[in-house]
N, C-alpha and C. Protein backbone atom coordinates (compact mmCIF):
# COMPACT_ATOMS: atom_id res chain seq x y z
N MET A 1 7.42 38.50 10.23
CA MET A 1 8.40 38.62 9.18
C MET A 1 9.14 37.28 9.07
N GLN A 2 9.37 36.80 7.86
CA GLN A 2 10.10 35.56 7.64
C GLN A 2 11.56 35.86 7.40
N ILE A 3 12.38 34.86 7.68
CA ILE A 3 13.82 34.97 7.42
C ILE A 3 14.04 34.87 5.92
N ASP A 4 14.95 35.66 5.42
CA ASP A 4 15.30 35.57 4.01
C ASP A 4 15.95 34.21 3.76
N ALA A 5 15.77 33.71 2.56
CA ALA A 5 16.43 32.46 2.20
C ALA A 5 17.92 32.65 2.37
N GLY A 6 18.56 31.69 3.01
CA GLY A 6 19.99 31.78 3.23
C GLY A 6 20.34 32.32 4.59
N THR A 7 19.35 32.85 5.32
CA THR A 7 19.61 33.32 6.67
C THR A 7 19.23 32.21 7.63
N SER A 8 20.17 31.80 8.47
CA SER A 8 19.87 30.72 9.41
C SER A 8 18.99 31.23 10.52
N GLU A 9 18.38 30.29 11.25
CA GLU A 9 17.51 30.65 12.36
C GLU A 9 18.27 31.45 13.41
N SER A 10 19.50 31.02 13.73
CA SER A 10 20.27 31.73 14.76
C SER A 10 20.65 33.13 14.29
N GLU A 11 20.96 33.30 13.00
CA GLU A 11 21.26 34.64 12.47
C GLU A 11 20.04 35.53 12.57
N GLY A 12 18.86 34.97 12.30
CA GLY A 12 17.62 35.72 12.39
C GLY A 12 17.36 36.18 13.80
N ILE A 13 17.64 35.32 14.78
CA ILE A 13 17.43 35.68 16.17
C ILE A 13 18.41 36.79 16.57
N LYS A 14 19.66 36.67 16.16
CA LYS A 14 20.68 37.68 16.50
C LYS A 14 20.30 39.04 15.94
N LYS A 15 19.70 39.06 14.76
CA LYS A 15 19.34 40.32 14.12
C LYS A 15 17.98 40.84 14.60
N GLY A 16 17.34 40.10 15.51
CA GLY A 16 16.06 40.53 16.06
C GLY A 16 14.88 40.28 15.13
N LYS A 17 15.08 39.47 14.10
CA LYS A 17 13.99 39.17 13.19
C LYS A 17 13.14 38.04 13.76
N GLU A 18 11.88 38.02 13.37
CA GLU A 18 10.99 36.93 13.77
C GLU A 18 11.36 35.71 12.96
N VAL A 19 11.45 34.59 13.64
CA VAL A 19 11.82 33.34 12.98
C VAL A 19 10.59 32.46 12.88
N LYS A 20 10.30 32.03 11.70
CA LYS A 20 9.15 31.15 11.49
C LYS A 20 9.69 29.75 11.24
N LYS A 21 9.46 28.85 12.21
CA LYS A 21 9.94 27.48 12.07
C LYS A 21 9.03 26.69 11.15
N THR A 22 9.62 25.84 10.36
CA THR A 22 8.81 24.94 9.55
C THR A 22 8.61 23.66 10.33
N GLU A 23 7.44 23.11 10.21
CA GLU A 23 7.13 21.86 10.92
C GLU A 23 7.80 20.70 10.21
N GLU A 24 8.47 19.85 10.99
CA GLU A 24 9.11 18.69 10.38
C GLU A 24 8.04 17.67 10.04
N LYS A 25 8.11 17.18 8.82
CA LYS A 25 7.16 16.17 8.37
C LYS A 25 7.86 14.82 8.38
N PRO A 26 7.14 13.76 8.80
CA PRO A 26 7.76 12.44 8.76
C PRO A 26 8.02 12.01 7.32
N LEU A 27 9.07 11.24 7.13
CA LEU A 27 9.38 10.75 5.79
C LEU A 27 8.29 9.81 5.33
N ARG A 28 8.02 9.85 4.07
CA ARG A 28 7.02 8.94 3.50
C ARG A 28 7.57 7.54 3.45
N GLU A 29 6.69 6.59 3.65
CA GLU A 29 7.08 5.20 3.45
C GLU A 29 6.91 4.92 1.96
N VAL A 30 7.89 4.28 1.39
CA VAL A 30 7.82 3.93 -0.03
C VAL A 30 7.62 2.43 -0.14
N THR A 31 6.51 2.06 -0.75
CA THR A 31 6.21 0.64 -0.93
C THR A 31 6.03 0.36 -2.42
N ILE A 32 6.30 -0.90 -2.78
CA ILE A 32 6.06 -1.36 -4.14
C ILE A 32 5.36 -2.71 -4.07
N LYS A 33 4.60 -3.02 -5.11
CA LYS A 33 3.96 -4.33 -5.18
C LYS A 33 4.93 -5.30 -5.85
N ILE A 34 5.13 -6.42 -5.18
CA ILE A 34 5.99 -7.47 -5.73
C ILE A 34 5.25 -8.80 -5.64
N GLY A 35 5.72 -9.75 -6.38
CA GLY A 35 5.21 -11.11 -6.29
C GLY A 35 6.19 -11.97 -5.51
N LEU A 36 5.66 -12.82 -4.64
CA LEU A 36 6.47 -13.81 -3.92
C LEU A 36 5.96 -15.18 -4.30
N GLU A 37 6.88 -16.08 -4.60
CA GLU A 37 6.51 -17.45 -4.97
C GLU A 37 7.11 -18.43 -3.98
N ARG A 38 6.25 -19.24 -3.38
CA ARG A 38 6.73 -20.33 -2.52
C ARG A 38 7.39 -21.37 -3.42
N LEU A 39 8.57 -21.81 -3.05
CA LEU A 39 9.30 -22.76 -3.91
C LEU A 39 8.74 -24.17 -3.81
N ASP A 40 8.16 -24.53 -2.66
CA ASP A 40 7.66 -25.89 -2.50
C ASP A 40 6.38 -26.16 -3.28
N THR A 41 5.54 -25.14 -3.43
CA THR A 41 4.25 -25.33 -4.12
C THR A 41 4.11 -24.51 -5.40
N GLN A 42 5.06 -23.63 -5.66
CA GLN A 42 5.01 -22.68 -6.78
C GLN A 42 3.78 -21.77 -6.68
N GLU A 43 3.22 -21.65 -5.49
CA GLU A 43 2.09 -20.74 -5.25
C GLU A 43 2.61 -19.32 -5.15
N GLY A 44 1.94 -18.40 -5.82
CA GLY A 44 2.38 -17.01 -5.81
C GLY A 44 1.37 -16.10 -5.13
N ILE A 45 1.90 -15.05 -4.51
CA ILE A 45 1.05 -14.03 -3.91
C ILE A 45 1.64 -12.66 -4.23
N THR A 46 0.79 -11.66 -4.23
CA THR A 46 1.23 -10.28 -4.43
C THR A 46 1.20 -9.58 -3.08
N VAL A 47 2.28 -8.88 -2.76
CA VAL A 47 2.38 -8.17 -1.48
C VAL A 47 2.93 -6.77 -1.71
N GLU A 48 2.74 -5.90 -0.73
CA GLU A 48 3.39 -4.60 -0.75
C GLU A 48 4.65 -4.70 0.08
N ALA A 49 5.77 -4.34 -0.51
CA ALA A 49 7.06 -4.41 0.17
C ALA A 49 7.53 -2.99 0.50
N LEU A 50 8.04 -2.81 1.72
CA LEU A 50 8.58 -1.53 2.15
C LEU A 50 10.01 -1.41 1.65
N LEU A 51 10.32 -0.33 0.95
CA LEU A 51 11.67 -0.11 0.45
C LEU A 51 12.48 0.71 1.44
N ASP A 52 13.75 0.38 1.57
CA ASP A 52 14.69 1.14 2.38
C ASP A 52 14.14 1.46 3.77
N SER A 53 13.80 0.42 4.50
CA SER A 53 13.26 0.58 5.84
C SER A 53 14.35 0.84 6.87
N GLY A 54 15.59 0.82 6.44
CA GLY A 54 16.70 0.95 7.37
C GLY A 54 17.29 -0.40 7.73
N ALA A 55 16.61 -1.46 7.33
CA ALA A 55 17.12 -2.81 7.59
C ALA A 55 18.32 -3.06 6.68
N THR A 56 19.23 -3.91 7.14
CA THR A 56 20.41 -4.22 6.32
C THR A 56 20.20 -5.46 5.46
N GLY A 57 18.99 -5.97 5.45
CA GLY A 57 18.68 -7.13 4.64
C GLY A 57 17.18 -7.22 4.44
N LEU A 58 16.74 -8.36 3.92
CA LEU A 58 15.32 -8.60 3.70
C LEU A 58 14.75 -9.30 4.92
N VAL A 59 13.62 -8.82 5.41
CA VAL A 59 12.98 -9.45 6.57
C VAL A 59 11.49 -9.63 6.31
N MET A 60 10.95 -10.67 6.96
CA MET A 60 9.54 -11.00 6.86
C MET A 60 9.09 -11.41 8.26
N SER A 61 7.90 -11.02 8.67
CA SER A 61 7.43 -11.36 10.01
C SER A 61 7.05 -12.84 10.08
N SER A 62 7.26 -13.42 11.26
CA SER A 62 6.91 -14.82 11.47
C SER A 62 5.40 -15.02 11.33
N GLU A 63 4.64 -14.01 11.71
CA GLU A 63 3.18 -14.08 11.58
C GLU A 63 2.78 -14.23 10.12
N PHE A 64 3.41 -13.44 9.24
CA PHE A 64 3.13 -13.51 7.81
C PHE A 64 3.55 -14.87 7.24
N VAL A 65 4.70 -15.37 7.69
CA VAL A 65 5.20 -16.67 7.23
C VAL A 65 4.20 -17.78 7.57
N LYS A 66 3.69 -17.77 8.80
CA LYS A 66 2.71 -18.78 9.23
C LYS A 66 1.42 -18.65 8.44
N LYS A 67 0.95 -17.41 8.30
CA LYS A 67 -0.32 -17.16 7.61
C LYS A 67 -0.29 -17.64 6.17
N LYS A 68 0.84 -17.44 5.50
CA LYS A 68 0.96 -17.79 4.08
C LYS A 68 1.57 -19.17 3.84
N GLY A 69 1.98 -19.85 4.91
CA GLY A 69 2.47 -21.23 4.79
C GLY A 69 3.85 -21.40 4.18
N PHE A 70 4.73 -20.41 4.33
CA PHE A 70 6.08 -20.54 3.81
C PHE A 70 6.85 -21.60 4.60
N LYS A 71 7.72 -22.31 3.93
CA LYS A 71 8.55 -23.34 4.57
C LYS A 71 9.77 -22.67 5.18
N LEU A 72 9.97 -22.90 6.49
CA LEU A 72 11.11 -22.31 7.20
C LEU A 72 12.38 -23.11 6.96
N LYS A 73 13.49 -22.40 6.86
CA LYS A 73 14.81 -23.01 6.75
C LYS A 73 15.61 -22.54 7.96
N LYS A 74 15.99 -23.48 8.82
CA LYS A 74 16.69 -23.17 10.07
C LYS A 74 18.12 -22.71 9.78
N LEU A 75 18.53 -21.62 10.42
CA LEU A 75 19.91 -21.14 10.31
C LEU A 75 20.82 -21.99 11.20
N GLU A 76 22.06 -22.17 10.79
CA GLU A 76 23.02 -22.90 11.63
C GLU A 76 23.27 -22.17 12.93
N ARG A 77 23.38 -20.84 12.84
CA ARG A 77 23.57 -19.99 14.04
C ARG A 77 22.59 -18.84 14.00
N PRO A 78 21.85 -18.62 15.09
CA PRO A 78 20.94 -17.47 15.12
C PRO A 78 21.71 -16.16 14.95
N MET A 79 21.06 -15.18 14.34
CA MET A 79 21.66 -13.85 14.14
C MET A 79 20.97 -12.86 15.08
N GLN A 80 21.77 -12.16 15.89
CA GLN A 80 21.21 -11.14 16.77
C GLN A 80 20.78 -9.95 15.93
N VAL A 81 19.69 -9.33 16.33
CA VAL A 81 19.15 -8.17 15.61
C VAL A 81 19.26 -6.95 16.52
N ARG A 82 19.84 -5.88 15.98
CA ARG A 82 19.94 -4.63 16.73
C ARG A 82 19.06 -3.56 16.10
N ASN A 83 18.51 -2.73 16.95
CA ASN A 83 17.69 -1.61 16.51
C ASN A 83 18.60 -0.45 16.12
N MET A 84 18.01 0.61 15.59
CA MET A 84 18.77 1.80 15.17
C MET A 84 19.57 2.39 16.33
N ASP A 85 19.07 2.29 17.55
CA ASP A 85 19.76 2.87 18.71
C ASP A 85 20.81 1.93 19.30
N GLY A 86 21.02 0.77 18.68
CA GLY A 86 22.04 -0.17 19.13
C GLY A 86 21.53 -1.22 20.11
N SER A 87 20.30 -1.07 20.60
CA SER A 87 19.75 -2.05 21.53
C SER A 87 19.33 -3.31 20.76
N PHE A 88 19.24 -4.43 21.48
CA PHE A 88 18.79 -5.67 20.84
C PHE A 88 17.29 -5.60 20.59
N ASN A 89 16.86 -6.13 19.47
CA ASN A 89 15.45 -6.14 19.12
C ASN A 89 14.68 -7.05 20.05
N ARG A 90 13.51 -6.61 20.50
CA ARG A 90 12.72 -7.39 21.46
C ARG A 90 12.17 -8.68 20.87
N GLU A 91 12.16 -8.79 19.55
CA GLU A 91 11.68 -10.01 18.90
C GLU A 91 12.69 -11.15 19.00
N GLY A 92 13.90 -10.82 19.43
CA GLY A 92 14.92 -11.85 19.58
C GLY A 92 15.72 -12.07 18.31
N PRO A 93 16.58 -13.08 18.33
CA PRO A 93 17.45 -13.33 17.18
C PRO A 93 16.68 -13.93 16.00
N ILE A 94 17.26 -13.79 14.83
CA ILE A 94 16.71 -14.44 13.64
C ILE A 94 17.21 -15.87 13.64
N GLU A 95 16.29 -16.81 13.60
CA GLU A 95 16.64 -18.23 13.64
C GLU A 95 16.32 -18.96 12.35
N ASN A 96 15.47 -18.36 11.49
CA ASN A 96 15.02 -19.01 10.26
C ASN A 96 15.00 -18.03 9.10
N THR A 97 15.01 -18.60 7.91
CA THR A 97 14.80 -17.84 6.69
C THR A 97 13.76 -18.56 5.86
N VAL A 98 13.25 -17.90 4.84
CA VAL A 98 12.43 -18.56 3.83
C VAL A 98 13.07 -18.27 2.48
N GLU A 99 13.06 -19.26 1.62
CA GLU A 99 13.60 -19.07 0.28
C GLU A 99 12.42 -18.90 -0.68
N VAL A 100 12.47 -17.82 -1.45
CA VAL A 100 11.37 -17.47 -2.35
C VAL A 100 11.91 -16.97 -3.68
N ASN A 101 11.04 -16.94 -4.65
CA ASN A 101 11.29 -16.21 -5.88
C ASN A 101 10.56 -14.88 -5.74
N VAL A 102 11.27 -13.79 -6.01
CA VAL A 102 10.68 -12.45 -5.96
C VAL A 102 10.49 -11.98 -7.40
N TYR A 103 9.28 -11.51 -7.72
CA TYR A 103 8.95 -11.03 -9.05
C TYR A 103 8.68 -9.53 -8.99
N TYR A 104 9.32 -8.78 -9.90
CA TYR A 104 9.05 -7.35 -10.01
C TYR A 104 9.28 -6.91 -11.44
N LYS A 105 8.24 -6.43 -12.07
CA LYS A 105 8.30 -5.88 -13.43
C LYS A 105 9.09 -6.77 -14.40
N GLY A 106 8.74 -8.03 -14.46
CA GLY A 106 9.36 -8.95 -15.39
C GLY A 106 10.68 -9.54 -14.94
N HIS A 107 11.19 -9.12 -13.80
CA HIS A 107 12.45 -9.64 -13.27
C HIS A 107 12.13 -10.66 -12.18
N VAL A 108 12.87 -11.77 -12.16
CA VAL A 108 12.69 -12.80 -11.14
C VAL A 108 14.02 -13.03 -10.46
N GLU A 109 13.99 -13.09 -9.15
CA GLU A 109 15.22 -13.37 -8.40
C GLU A 109 14.91 -14.30 -7.23
N ARG A 110 15.68 -15.37 -7.12
CA ARG A 110 15.55 -16.28 -5.97
C ARG A 110 16.38 -15.71 -4.84
N THR A 111 15.78 -15.62 -3.65
CA THR A 111 16.48 -15.04 -2.52
C THR A 111 15.99 -15.67 -1.21
N GLU A 112 16.80 -15.49 -0.17
CA GLU A 112 16.40 -15.89 1.17
C GLU A 112 16.01 -14.66 1.96
N ILE A 113 14.90 -14.75 2.67
CA ILE A 113 14.41 -13.64 3.48
C ILE A 113 14.44 -14.07 4.94
N ASP A 114 15.06 -13.25 5.78
CA ASP A 114 15.14 -13.54 7.21
C ASP A 114 13.75 -13.41 7.84
N VAL A 115 13.46 -14.32 8.75
CA VAL A 115 12.16 -14.31 9.45
C VAL A 115 12.38 -13.74 10.84
N ILE A 116 11.66 -12.67 11.15
CA ILE A 116 11.83 -12.03 12.45
C ILE A 116 10.56 -12.19 13.27
N GLY A 117 10.73 -12.44 14.55
CA GLY A 117 9.60 -12.62 15.45
C GLY A 117 9.57 -14.02 16.02
N GLU A 118 8.68 -14.23 16.95
CA GLU A 118 8.58 -15.53 17.61
C GLU A 118 8.21 -16.59 16.59
N GLN A 119 8.95 -17.70 16.60
CA GLN A 119 8.77 -18.72 15.56
C GLN A 119 8.48 -20.08 16.17
N LYS A 120 7.73 -20.11 17.26
CA LYS A 120 7.42 -21.39 17.93
C LYS A 120 6.16 -21.99 17.40
């Protein structure tokens, strides 16, 4: 027997009814295709960007930066990165950014993206 809509699990247990738990499903990742343009060469690439990842800013992996040849811009002071649980991120502080033009559906915006990961 299922619980009537509006009856909580604990109310169902108190009344001796069988409780059917629903399986929690992980949230879907939402990605969009955007264009990134390197400012030094005006070379453009299309990438899939993760929306609302929980990050408080824009981030790009150092591996991706190296692979695509983006020019690094050194920060005056490194920024410490914390995980959702408050611990420091194992990748270490953010020391560099890349400046790019981001293209999406006819809109262009110049922005700096933080580079996370080992940058040696």
